[in-house]
Amino acid sequence: MDFIEKLGDTLAAKGKEASEKAKELAEIANLKSQINACEEVIRKNYLEIGKIYFDQYGDMPEAPFEKQCRAIQNAKRGVEEFEEKIRQIKGL
């Protein structure tokens, strides 16, 4: 009987440990999900700030933003050129 009681106690203890570990993992997963949501808000707002800046000052950016504004302008011209080529291919 003593062996079976010890085995039962050990199994109960291991079950409790596993349950606590599962709760910890679930809480960590929940917190990581909340972190991701916060980071997404940050990312979206950074992008919006950049878009607003470019729309207002893209033609005459301040020194730290010249390279990025020029790259955006070049990429926009590229898009226009490719869209024109597509229209030509379609015969429009």
Protein backbone atom coordinates (compact mmCIF):
# COMPACT_ATOMS: atom_id res chain seq x y z
CA MET A 1 0.00 0.00 0.00
CA ASP A 2 2.79 2.40 0.86
CA PHE A 3 4.18 2.18 -2.69
CA ILE A 4 0.79 2.88 -4.25
CA GLU A 5 0.22 5.85 -1.95
CA LYS A 6 3.65 7.30 -2.85
CA LEU A 7 2.93 6.72 -6.51
CA GLY A 8 -0.43 8.48 -6.17
CA ASP A 9 1.18 11.40 -4.35
CA THR A 10 3.89 11.67 -7.01
CA LEU A 11 1.35 11.60 -9.82
CA ALA A 12 -0.77 14.22 -8.08
CA ALA A 13 2.26 16.46 -7.58
CA LYS A 14 3.33 16.06 -11.20
CA GLY A 15 -0.22 16.78 -12.36
CA LYS A 16 -0.30 19.95 -10.27
CA GLU A 17 3.10 21.02 -11.68
CA ALA A 18 1.89 20.37 -15.22
CA SER A 19 -1.29 22.34 -14.58
CA GLU A 20 0.67 25.29 -13.18
CA LYS A 21 3.09 25.15 -16.12
CA ALA A 22 0.16 25.12 -18.57
CA LYS A 23 -1.34 28.16 -16.83
CA GLU A 24 2.02 29.97 -17.04
CA LEU A 25 2.36 29.15 -20.73
CA ALA A 26 -1.19 30.34 -21.42
CA GLU A 27 -0.54 33.59 -19.54
CA ILE A 28 2.74 34.13 -21.41
CA ALA A 29 1.01 33.47 -24.73
CA ASN A 30 -1.70 35.97 -23.82
CA LEU A 31 0.86 38.61 -22.84
CA LYS A 32 2.85 38.02 -26.04
CA SER A 33 -0.37 38.49 -28.00
CA GLN A 34 -0.97 41.78 -26.23
CA ILE A 35 2.64 42.84 -26.93
CA ASN A 36 2.11 42.05 -30.62
CA ALA A 37 -1.07 44.14 -30.65
CA CYS A 38 0.78 47.07 -29.07
CA GLU A 39 3.66 46.73 -31.53
CA GLU A 40 1.19 46.71 -34.42
CA VAL A 41 -0.32 49.97 -33.15
CA ILE A 42 3.18 51.45 -32.93
CA ARG A 43 4.07 50.24 -36.44
CA LYS A 44 0.86 51.60 -37.98
CA ASN A 45 1.33 54.98 -36.32
CA TYR A 46 4.98 55.21 -37.35
CA LEU A 47 3.88 54.53 -40.93
CA GLU A 48 1.14 57.14 -40.69
CA ILE A 49 3.59 59.73 -39.30
CA GLY A 50 5.94 58.98 -42.18
CA LYS A 51 3.17 59.28 -44.74
CA ILE A 52 1.99 62.58 -43.30
CA TYR A 53 5.57 63.89 -43.29
CA PHE A 54 6.14 62.78 -46.87
CA ASP A 55 2.85 64.28 -48.06
CA GLN A 56 3.68 67.62 -46.46
CA TYR A 57 7.45 67.84 -46.88
CA GLY A 58 8.42 65.21 -49.45
CA ASP A 59 9.31 67.84 -52.06
CA MET A 60 11.64 69.64 -49.66
CA PRO A 61 12.57 67.25 -46.84
CA GLU A 62 14.91 68.09 -44.02
CA ALA A 63 18.40 66.60 -44.23
CA PRO A 64 17.81 63.42 -42.23
CA PHE A 65 14.88 62.46 -44.48
CA GLU A 66 16.23 63.36 -47.92
CA LYS A 67 17.38 59.86 -48.83
CA GLN A 68 14.10 58.20 -47.83
CA CYS A 69 11.95 60.85 -49.54
CA ARG A 70 14.00 60.52 -52.72
CA ALA A 71 13.63 56.73 -52.59
CA ILE A 72 9.84 57.06 -52.20
CA GLN A 73 9.66 59.52 -55.09
CA ASN A 74 11.71 57.17 -57.30
CA ALA A 75 9.56 54.19 -56.34
CA LYS A 76 6.37 56.14 -57.10
CA ARG A 77 7.76 57.03 -60.54
CA GLY A 78 8.59 53.37 -61.04
CA VAL A 79 5.02 52.37 -60.19
CA GLU A 80 3.68 54.92 -62.69
CA GLU A 81 6.02 53.62 -65.41
CA PHE A 82 5.07 50.00 -64.80
CA GLU A 83 1.37 50.84 -64.74
CA GLU A 84 1.80 52.66 -68.07
CA LYS A 85 3.53 49.60 -69.55
CA ILE A 86 0.63 47.43 -68.36
CA ARG A 87 -1.85 49.80 -70.00
CA GLN A 88 0.19 49.65 -73.23
CA ILE A 89 0.25 45.85 -73.16
CA LYS A 90 -3.51 45.78 -72.63
CA GLY A 91 -3.94 48.25 -75.46
CA LEU A 92 -5.54 50.93 -73.32
